[in-house]
C-alpha cells in the first residue's frame, strides 16, 4: 500500500476484483473444458497464473496491480471448478470427496508454507535492495505454478480413455466402473446445457455456494489482520501465525472427506463444518482480548471449518449432476456463485480491527448455509423415495414418459428414474 500509494478502498478492490471477471467467464471456461483437452486447460491456467503473478512484481500503480490481480484471480477461481469436474472423470461418486480432500490438503500445506516463506522474505533488509519484500513474494510464489503448468501440459492425462499408463483392460474397467457409479453420459448437446438452468436443485446449490463463500471470504482475506489484532506482534509474525491453522486443517480435511465418502453423507458433514465456522466466529467476537490463546484457537476453528467443508461441498455438487456436459455447466455456475460470494464477503469486512460487522454478516450467511443444506437434503431424499416407490410398483409406463420428457437415455443424466442422489 505504501509503495504503490494505495488507499484502503483500492487495496480492498485488489483483493476482491479477481472474482468479478470470473463470474463472466466461468461458464465459457467449463464449456471449453468439456469440449477441449483438460490437460491443456489446466496447464494454461497454471502457466498464466504463475506468469502474471511473477509479473505483478513490476507494477507501479493501482491500475497495474488491479489488472495483475484480476487475471490470476480468474485462473485460480476457474481452477476450483475445473478440479471438481476433472476428478469426476476418474473417480466414482463414493470416492470423490476424498480425492478433492487430498487437493484441499495440498492447498492447505501450501498455505502453511506460504506464511513461513512470507516471514523469511520480510526479514530481508530492503533499504538498498532493488526490489521490496512484497515483490519478491510475488516472484517466489509464481515460480512453482509455472513449473506445475509445464508438467501438466506434458504429462497430465485427459481421461481414462486416453490414459497411456493404462492397459486396454484397465481402461475398459475404469470406464465401466464410472458408468455403473455415475450413469456418466459422454454426449454433448446444447439441450443438456439448457437443461441445467431449468433444474430446481441448481438454485439451492447456488444459494449454498454463495452464502458459504460470503461466510468465509472476509475472514480468509483479512486473516493476517485479524491475527495481528490479537497480540503485540509485528506484521511478519502475523503472517507466520497463519501457518498452524492451515497445517491443523489438513487433518480436518482428511477426516471430513473420508467420513463423507465412507458413510455416503454430504449434507451432515457440511452442517458440522459450518457449525465449526460459526463457533470460531463467535469466539473471535466475544472472547475478551486478554485470552489470546483462546482467540487464536478460535481462528484455528474458523480455518478448519472453512477448509473442511470445501471438498465435501464440491463432491456433493459433482455427485448430483450426472452427465459430463450437465456436470460441467452446473459446476461452472456454482463456482460463479462462489466467486460472487467472495466479492460480497470481502467487502463486508470494512470495520477493522475487530470486524464485528463483518463477523456478524458471516454468521448470518453461515446460518443460511445450514438452512439451505438441510432443505436441499430433505428434498433430494424425497426424490429418492419417490423413485424407489416407482421401482417397487414397477411403473414402466411412467419411466418411459420420464425418459421421453428428458430426451432419452443419452442425455437424461441424473433425472433418470434409476438415479439416486447423494445426500
Protein backbone atom coordinates (compact mmCIF):
# COMPACT_ATOMS: atom_id res chain seq x y z
CA UNK A 1 0.00 0.00 0.00
CA UNK A 2 2.84 2.40 0.79
CA UNK A 3 4.95 1.65 -2.31
CA UNK A 4 2.01 1.97 -4.71
CA UNK A 5 0.23 4.74 -2.72
CA UNK A 6 -2.99 2.72 -2.43
CA UNK A 7 -6.00 3.80 -0.43
CA UNK A 8 -7.83 1.30 1.78
CA UNK A 9 -10.66 1.11 -0.78
CA UNK A 10 -8.25 0.47 -3.67
CA UNK A 11 -6.48 -2.26 -1.70
CA UNK A 12 -9.80 -3.95 -0.94
CA UNK A 13 -10.79 -3.85 -4.60
CA UNK A 14 -7.50 -5.56 -5.48
CA UNK A 15 -8.45 -8.37 -3.07
CA UNK A 16 -11.97 -8.92 -4.40
CA UNK A 17 -11.89 -7.78 -8.05
CA UNK A 18 -10.31 -11.05 -9.27
CA UNK A 19 -13.62 -12.80 -8.71
CA UNK A 20 -15.64 -10.30 -10.76
CA UNK A 21 -14.30 -11.28 -14.20
CA UNK A 22 -14.56 -14.97 -13.36
CA UNK A 23 -18.30 -14.52 -12.81
CA UNK A 24 -18.50 -13.61 -16.52
CA UNK A 25 -16.02 -16.22 -17.81
CA UNK A 26 -16.91 -19.16 -15.57
CA UNK A 27 -19.39 -20.93 -17.85
CA UNK A 28 -17.34 -20.43 -21.07
CA UNK A 29 -14.24 -21.84 -19.32
CA UNK A 30 -16.04 -25.02 -18.25
CA UNK A 31 -17.65 -25.43 -21.67
CA UNK A 32 -14.16 -25.21 -23.15
CA UNK A 33 -13.06 -27.86 -20.65
CA UNK A 34 -15.95 -30.10 -21.74
CA UNK A 35 -15.01 -29.84 -25.44
CA UNK A 36 -11.23 -29.39 -25.11
CA UNK A 37 -8.40 -31.42 -23.56
CA UNK A 38 -8.36 -30.92 -19.74
CA UNK A 39 -4.57 -31.18 -19.63
CA UNK A 40 -4.25 -28.17 -21.94
CA UNK A 41 -6.73 -26.06 -19.98
CA UNK A 42 -5.26 -26.96 -16.57
CA UNK A 43 -1.72 -26.34 -17.85
CA UNK A 44 -2.64 -23.00 -19.42
CA UNK A 45 -4.42 -21.86 -16.24
CA UNK A 46 -1.38 -22.72 -14.11
CA UNK A 47 1.08 -21.10 -16.52
CA UNK A 48 -1.00 -17.94 -16.78
CA UNK A 49 -1.47 -17.73 -13.01
CA UNK A 50 2.25 -18.17 -12.33
CA UNK A 51 3.42 -15.87 -15.11
CA UNK A 52 1.14 -12.96 -14.27
CA UNK A 53 1.78 -13.40 -10.53
CA UNK A 54 5.52 -13.03 -11.16
CA UNK A 55 4.84 -10.02 -13.39
CA UNK A 56 2.96 -8.37 -10.50
CA UNK A 57 6.37 -7.58 -9.00
CA UNK A 58 6.77 -4.95 -11.70
CA UNK A 59 3.56 -2.96 -11.17
CA UNK A 60 3.88 0.70 -10.20
CA UNK A 61 0.29 1.85 -9.61
CA UNK A 62 -3.23 0.79 -8.67
CA UNK A 63 -4.35 0.11 -12.26
CA UNK A 64 -1.42 -2.22 -12.93
CA UNK A 65 -1.97 -4.09 -9.67
CA UNK A 66 -5.68 -4.44 -10.36
CA UNK A 67 -5.06 -6.00 -13.79
CA UNK A 68 -2.40 -8.32 -12.38
CA UNK A 69 -4.82 -9.43 -9.67
CA UNK A 70 -7.80 -9.99 -11.95
CA UNK A 71 -6.05 -12.35 -14.38
CA UNK A 72 -4.61 -14.75 -11.76
CA UNK A 73 -7.89 -14.48 -9.88
CA UNK A 74 -9.78 -15.79 -12.92
CA UNK A 75 -7.28 -18.66 -13.26
CA UNK A 76 -7.47 -19.52 -9.57
CA UNK A 77 -11.26 -19.45 -9.40
CA UNK A 78 -11.56 -21.39 -12.67
CA UNK A 79 -9.16 -23.99 -11.33
CA UNK A 80 -11.52 -24.80 -8.45
CA UNK A 81 -14.36 -25.63 -10.83
CA UNK A 82 -12.03 -27.46 -13.21
CA UNK A 83 -10.65 -29.64 -10.37
CA UNK A 84 -14.13 -30.80 -9.34
CA UNK A 85 -15.01 -31.66 -12.93
CA UNK A 86 -11.66 -33.35 -13.64
CA UNK A 87 -11.88 -35.58 -10.55
CA UNK A 88 -15.34 -36.71 -11.70
CA UNK A 89 -13.76 -38.02 -14.92
CA UNK A 90 -11.72 -40.55 -12.95
CA UNK A 91 -13.48 -41.47 -9.70
CA UNK A 92 -16.84 -42.79 -8.62
CA UNK A 93 -19.25 -40.73 -6.54
CA UNK A 94 -18.33 -42.61 -3.36
CA UNK A 95 -14.66 -41.68 -3.92
CA UNK A 96 -14.86 -38.04 -4.99
CA UNK A 97 -14.81 -36.30 -1.58
CA UNK A 98 -11.55 -37.99 -0.55
CA UNK A 99 -9.87 -37.10 -3.85
CA UNK A 100 -10.99 -33.49 -3.58
CA UNK A 101 -9.87 -33.66 0.05
CA UNK A 102 -6.32 -34.51 -1.00
CA UNK A 103 -6.35 -31.50 -3.31
CA UNK A 104 -7.53 -29.40 -0.35
CA UNK A 105 -4.76 -30.83 1.85
CA UNK A 106 -2.18 -29.88 -0.78
CA UNK A 107 -3.58 -26.35 -0.83
CA UNK A 108 -3.58 -26.17 2.96
CA UNK A 109 0.05 -27.31 3.13
CA UNK A 110 0.85 -24.67 0.52
CA UNK A 111 -0.84 -22.02 2.65
CA UNK A 112 1.21 -23.18 5.68
CA UNK A 113 4.46 -22.91 3.76
CA UNK A 114 3.42 -19.57 2.30
CA UNK A 115 3.18 -17.99 5.76
CA UNK A 116 6.69 -19.17 6.68
CA UNK A 117 8.15 -18.01 3.35
CA UNK A 118 6.49 -14.63 3.83
CA UNK A 119 8.05 -14.36 7.30
CA UNK A 120 11.51 -15.25 5.95
CA UNK A 121 11.36 -12.86 2.99
CA UNK A 122 10.11 -9.94 5.07
CA UNK A 123 13.21 -10.29 7.28
CA UNK A 124 15.50 -9.46 4.35
CA UNK A 125 16.71 -5.83 4.56
CA UNK A 126 15.21 -3.80 1.70
CA UNK A 127 16.63 -0.34 2.29
CA UNK A 128 19.17 -0.66 -0.54
CA UNK A 129 17.59 -3.61 -2.35
CA UNK A 130 16.40 -3.49 -5.94
CA UNK A 131 13.03 -4.94 -5.00
CA UNK A 132 10.78 -4.80 -1.93
CA UNK A 133 9.72 -7.85 0.08
CA UNK A 134 6.24 -7.98 -1.47
CA UNK A 135 7.79 -8.02 -4.96
CA UNK A 136 10.00 -10.98 -4.09
CA UNK A 137 6.96 -12.78 -2.65
CA UNK A 138 5.06 -12.49 -5.94
CA UNK A 139 8.07 -13.81 -7.85
CA UNK A 140 8.67 -16.72 -5.46
CA UNK A 141 5.02 -17.73 -5.31
CA UNK A 142 4.65 -17.66 -9.11
CA UNK A 143 7.57 -19.97 -9.94
CA UNK A 144 6.06 -23.29 -8.72
CA UNK A 145 2.88 -22.66 -10.70
CA UNK A 146 4.85 -22.13 -13.92
CA UNK A 147 6.69 -25.41 -13.32
CA UNK A 148 3.43 -27.22 -12.48
CA UNK A 149 1.71 -25.85 -15.59
CA UNK A 150 4.52 -27.11 -17.79
CA UNK A 151 4.32 -30.57 -16.21
CA UNK A 152 0.53 -30.64 -16.73
CA UNK A 153 0.88 -29.81 -20.42
CA UNK A 154 3.39 -32.64 -20.87
CA UNK A 155 2.15 -35.39 -18.56
CA UNK A 156 -1.43 -34.86 -17.26
CA UNK A 157 -3.80 -37.47 -18.79
CA UNK A 158 -7.12 -36.15 -20.06
CA UNK A 159 -9.35 -39.11 -19.09
CA UNK A 160 -9.26 -42.89 -18.64
CA UNK A 161 -9.99 -43.29 -22.36
CA UNK A 162 -6.74 -41.55 -23.31
CA UNK A 163 -4.52 -42.54 -20.34
CA UNK A 164 -1.35 -44.08 -21.77
CA UNK A 165 -0.36 -45.66 -18.44
CA UNK A 166 -3.47 -47.92 -18.50
CA UNK A 167 -3.68 -51.18 -20.43
CA UNK A 168 -6.68 -51.82 -22.67
CA UNK A 169 -8.28 -54.00 -19.97
CA UNK A 170 -7.63 -51.42 -17.22
CA UNK A 171 -9.03 -48.69 -19.42
CA UNK A 172 -12.19 -50.71 -20.07
CA UNK A 173 -12.65 -51.38 -16.36
CA UNK A 174 -12.06 -47.70 -15.47
CA UNK A 175 -14.74 -46.58 -17.92
CA UNK A 176 -17.19 -49.30 -16.86
CA UNK A 177 -16.91 -48.59 -13.12
CA UNK A 178 -17.62 -44.91 -13.76
CA UNK A 179 -20.60 -45.75 -15.95
CA UNK A 180 -22.05 -48.01 -13.25
CA UNK A 181 -21.49 -45.47 -10.48
CA UNK A 182 -22.50 -42.19 -12.09
CA UNK A 183 -24.54 -43.08 -15.16
CA UNK A 184 -21.96 -41.00 -17.00
CA UNK A 185 -23.25 -39.58 -20.27
CA UNK A 186 -20.50 -38.69 -22.72
CA UNK A 187 -22.62 -37.00 -25.38
CA UNK A 188 -22.70 -33.26 -25.99
CA UNK A 189 -25.70 -31.09 -26.84
CA UNK A 190 -26.90 -27.57 -26.15
CA UNK A 191 -30.11 -29.09 -24.78
CA UNK A 192 -28.05 -30.54 -21.94
CA UNK A 193 -26.57 -27.10 -21.29
CA UNK A 194 -30.02 -25.50 -21.16
CA UNK A 195 -31.42 -28.32 -19.03
CA UNK A 196 -29.17 -27.33 -16.14
CA UNK A 197 -30.69 -23.85 -15.98
CA UNK A 198 -34.19 -25.31 -15.53
CA UNK A 199 -33.08 -27.76 -12.83
CA UNK A 200 -34.55 -26.74 -9.45
CA UNK A 201 -31.70 -28.10 -7.36
CA UNK A 202 -29.19 -25.87 -9.16
CA UNK A 203 -30.62 -22.82 -7.38
CA UNK A 204 -30.39 -24.44 -3.97
CA UNK A 205 -26.76 -25.26 -4.65
CA UNK A 206 -26.16 -21.71 -5.88
CA UNK A 207 -27.51 -20.32 -2.60
CA UNK A 208 -25.39 -22.82 -0.66
CA UNK A 209 -22.20 -21.90 -2.55
CA UNK A 210 -22.79 -18.16 -2.34
CA UNK A 211 -23.70 -17.97 1.34
CA UNK A 212 -20.85 -20.25 2.42
CA UNK A 213 -18.41 -18.12 0.38
CA UNK A 214 -19.72 -14.93 1.99
CA UNK A 215 -19.25 -16.53 5.41
CA UNK A 216 -15.55 -17.34 4.93
CA UNK A 217 -14.20 -14.91 2.33
CA UNK A 218 -13.83 -11.85 4.56
CA UNK A 219 -12.07 -13.83 7.28
CA UNK A 220 -9.85 -15.50 4.70
CA UNK A 221 -8.79 -12.26 3.00
CA UNK A 222 -8.22 -10.44 6.30
CA UNK A 223 -6.76 -13.34 8.28
CA UNK A 224 -3.32 -11.71 8.89
CA UNK A 225 -5.05 -8.51 10.08
CA UNK A 226 -7.35 -10.47 12.41
CA UNK A 227 -4.36 -12.32 13.92
CA UNK A 228 -2.36 -9.09 14.08
CA UNK A 229 -5.09 -7.50 16.20
CA UNK A 230 -4.86 -10.27 18.80
CA UNK A 231 -1.40 -9.51 20.18
CA UNK A 232 1.51 -7.09 20.23
CA UNK A 233 3.48 -8.77 17.48
CA UNK A 234 4.73 -7.50 14.14
CA UNK A 235 3.00 -7.93 10.78
CA UNK A 236 5.55 -10.58 9.62
CA UNK A 237 4.83 -12.62 12.75
CA UNK A 238 1.12 -12.38 11.95
CA UNK A 239 1.87 -13.89 8.54
CA UNK A 240 3.77 -16.74 10.19
CA UNK A 241 0.92 -17.35 12.63
CA UNK A 242 -1.34 -18.24 9.68
CA UNK A 243 0.75 -21.44 9.33
CA UNK A 244 -0.52 -23.54 12.32
CA UNK A 245 -4.26 -23.19 11.48
CA UNK A 246 -3.64 -24.24 7.88
CA UNK A 247 -1.48 -27.17 8.99
CA UNK A 248 -4.07 -28.37 11.51
CA UNK A 249 -6.74 -28.04 8.82
CA UNK A 250 -5.01 -30.78 6.80
CA UNK A 251 -6.19 -33.37 9.34
CA UNK A 252 -9.71 -31.94 9.41
CA UNK A 253 -9.90 -32.00 5.60
CA UNK A 254 -8.82 -35.64 5.52
CA UNK A 255 -11.27 -36.63 8.27
CA UNK A 256 -14.28 -34.80 6.83
CA UNK A 257 -13.74 -36.08 3.27
CA UNK A 258 -13.04 -39.64 4.46
CA UNK A 259 -16.15 -39.72 6.63
CA UNK A 260 -18.23 -38.21 3.84
CA UNK A 261 -17.25 -40.98 1.42
CA UNK A 262 -17.30 -43.81 3.96
CA UNK A 263 -20.84 -43.09 5.13
CA UNK A 264 -22.07 -41.58 1.83
CA UNK A 265 -23.13 -38.42 3.62
CA UNK A 266 -22.58 -34.91 2.31
CA UNK A 267 -25.12 -32.62 4.00
CA UNK A 268 -24.42 -33.76 7.56
CA UNK A 269 -20.66 -33.23 7.17
CA UNK A 270 -21.29 -29.79 5.66
CA UNK A 271 -23.54 -28.82 8.57
CA UNK A 272 -20.86 -29.92 11.06
CA UNK A 273 -18.17 -27.89 9.29
CA UNK A 274 -20.47 -24.86 9.05
CA UNK A 275 -21.13 -25.14 12.79
CA UNK A 276 -17.37 -25.19 13.47
CA UNK A 277 -17.03 -21.97 11.45
CA UNK A 278 -19.86 -20.34 13.43
CA UNK A 279 -18.28 -21.38 16.74
CA UNK A 280 -14.94 -19.92 15.67
CA UNK A 281 -16.51 -16.62 14.64
CA UNK A 282 -18.48 -16.33 17.88
CA UNK A 283 -15.33 -16.93 19.93
CA UNK A 284 -13.36 -14.36 17.92
CA UNK A 285 -16.11 -11.81 18.52
CA UNK A 286 -16.86 -12.34 22.20
CA UNK A 287 -13.80 -13.84 23.92
CA UNK A 288 -12.02 -10.99 25.82
CA UNK A 289 -8.78 -9.66 24.35
CA UNK A 290 -6.61 -10.89 27.23
CA UNK A 291 -7.33 -14.54 26.33
CA UNK A 292 -5.04 -14.51 23.32
CA UNK A 293 -4.63 -18.30 23.23
CA UNK A 294 -8.38 -18.89 23.18
CA UNK A 295 -8.89 -16.31 20.46
CA UNK A 296 -6.12 -17.88 18.38
CA UNK A 297 -7.78 -21.29 18.88
CA UNK A 298 -10.95 -19.70 17.50
CA UNK A 299 -9.03 -18.74 14.36
CA UNK A 300 -7.94 -22.38 14.04
CA UNK A 301 -11.59 -23.46 14.28
CA UNK A 302 -12.58 -20.97 11.59
CA UNK A 303 -9.86 -22.15 9.19
CA UNK A 304 -10.55 -25.85 9.87
CA UNK A 305 -14.28 -25.42 9.26
CA UNK A 306 -13.71 -23.41 6.09
CA UNK A 307 -11.18 -25.80 4.53
CA UNK A 308 -13.04 -28.85 5.88
CA UNK A 309 -16.27 -28.14 4.00
CA UNK A 310 -14.68 -27.37 0.62
CA UNK A 311 -14.12 -30.95 -0.67
CA UNK A 312 -17.47 -32.16 0.69
CA UNK A 313 -19.33 -29.27 -0.92
CA UNK A 314 -17.57 -29.86 -4.25
CA UNK A 315 -18.30 -33.59 -4.13
CA UNK A 316 -21.99 -33.05 -3.33
CA UNK A 317 -22.33 -30.78 -6.33
CA UNK A 318 -20.47 -33.18 -8.64
CA UNK A 319 -22.46 -36.20 -7.38
CA UNK A 320 -25.88 -34.83 -8.20
CA UNK A 321 -25.38 -33.57 -11.74
CA UNK A 322 -24.82 -36.64 -13.88
CA UNK A 323 -23.74 -36.47 -17.49
CA UNK A 324 -20.43 -34.78 -18.25
CA UNK A 325 -21.96 -31.79 -20.00
CA UNK A 326 -24.55 -31.19 -17.28
CA UNK A 327 -21.87 -31.55 -14.62
CA UNK A 328 -19.50 -29.14 -16.38
CA UNK A 329 -22.19 -26.46 -16.75
CA UNK A 330 -23.54 -26.90 -13.22
CA UNK A 331 -20.04 -26.76 -11.72
CA UNK A 332 -19.31 -23.58 -13.65
CA UNK A 333 -22.50 -21.88 -12.48
CA UNK A 334 -21.97 -22.92 -8.86
CA UNK A 335 -18.39 -21.66 -8.71
CA UNK A 336 -19.61 -18.47 -10.37
CA UNK A 337 -21.93 -18.13 -7.35
CA UNK A 338 -18.97 -18.93 -5.11
CA UNK A 339 -16.99 -16.08 -6.67
CA UNK A 340 -19.90 -13.68 -6.26
CA UNK A 341 -19.99 -14.65 -2.59
CA UNK A 342 -16.28 -13.91 -2.25
CA UNK A 343 -16.79 -10.42 -3.67
CA UNK A 344 -19.66 -9.70 -1.27
CA UNK A 345 -17.92 -11.22 1.74
CA UNK A 346 -14.67 -9.41 1.04
CA UNK A 347 -16.39 -6.03 1.12
CA UNK A 348 -18.38 -6.96 4.24
CA UNK A 349 -15.22 -6.75 6.36
CA UNK A 350 -15.00 -2.96 6.39
CA UNK A 351 -14.69 -2.32 10.15
CA UNK A 352 -11.16 -3.20 11.35
CA UNK A 353 -9.60 -4.17 13.66
CA UNK A 354 -12.39 -6.16 15.40
CA UNK A 355 -14.52 -6.63 12.26
CA UNK A 356 -17.68 -7.01 14.36
CA UNK A 357 -19.99 -6.12 11.49
CA UNK A 358 -18.08 -8.40 9.09
CA UNK A 359 -18.25 -11.33 11.50
CA UNK A 360 -21.97 -10.71 12.06
CA UNK A 361 -22.66 -10.83 8.32
CA UNK A 362 -20.59 -14.02 8.10
CA UNK A 363 -22.59 -15.63 10.92
CA UNK A 364 -25.89 -14.76 9.23
CA UNK A 365 -24.58 -16.25 5.99
CA UNK A 366 -23.45 -19.47 7.68
CA UNK A 367 -26.89 -19.81 9.31
CA UNK A 368 -28.46 -19.52 5.85
CA UNK A 369 -25.97 -22.10 4.53
CA UNK A 370 -27.00 -24.58 7.23
CA UNK A 371 -30.69 -23.99 6.49
CA UNK A 372 -30.13 -24.46 2.75
CA UNK A 373 -28.18 -27.70 3.27
CA UNK A 374 -30.97 -29.11 5.45
CA UNK A 375 -33.70 -28.17 2.94
CA UNK A 376 -31.73 -29.49 -0.03
CA UNK A 377 -31.03 -32.81 1.68
CA UNK A 378 -34.72 -33.18 2.57
CA UNK A 379 -35.86 -32.50 -0.99
CA UNK A 380 -33.28 -34.81 -2.59
CA UNK A 381 -34.22 -37.53 -0.12
CA UNK A 382 -37.86 -37.10 -1.10
CA UNK A 383 -36.98 -37.51 -4.79
CA UNK A 384 -35.05 -40.69 -3.98
CA UNK A 385 -38.00 -42.09 -2.05
CA UNK A 386 -40.38 -41.33 -4.94
CA UNK A 387 -38.04 -43.11 -7.36
CA UNK A 388 -37.76 -46.10 -5.01
CA UNK A 389 -41.54 -46.27 -4.84
CA UNK A 390 -41.77 -46.07 -8.63
CA UNK A 391 -39.42 -49.04 -8.96
CA UNK A 392 -41.25 -51.07 -6.31
CA UNK A 393 -44.57 -50.54 -8.11
CA UNK A 394 -42.94 -51.37 -11.48
CA UNK A 395 -44.27 -48.21 -13.12
CA UNK A 396 -42.80 -48.98 -16.54
CA UNK A 397 -45.00 -46.54 -18.44
CA UNK A 398 -44.17 -43.68 -16.09
CA UNK A 399 -40.46 -44.41 -16.51
CA UNK A 400 -40.86 -44.32 -20.27
CA UNK A 401 -42.66 -41.00 -20.05
CA UNK A 402 -39.81 -39.52 -17.97
CA UNK A 403 -37.21 -40.81 -20.46
CA UNK A 404 -39.11 -39.25 -23.35
CA UNK A 405 -39.63 -36.00 -21.42
CA UNK A 406 -35.89 -35.56 -20.85
CA UNK A 407 -34.65 -36.64 -24.26
CA UNK A 408 -33.86 -40.33 -23.79
CA UNK A 409 -31.09 -42.35 -22.19
CA UNK A 410 -28.26 -40.41 -23.82
CA UNK A 411 -28.97 -37.03 -22.24
CA UNK A 412 -31.26 -37.66 -19.24
CA UNK A 413 -28.40 -37.89 -16.72
CA UNK A 414 -29.38 -37.58 -13.04
CA UNK A 415 -33.06 -37.13 -13.94
CA UNK A 416 -33.24 -40.85 -14.75
CA UNK A 417 -35.73 -42.76 -12.53
CA UNK A 418 -32.95 -45.22 -11.60
CA UNK A 419 -30.56 -42.49 -10.45
CA UNK A 420 -30.26 -41.83 -6.71
CA UNK A 421 -28.98 -38.52 -5.42
CA UNK A 422 -26.21 -38.29 -2.85
CA UNK A 423 -27.44 -36.93 0.45
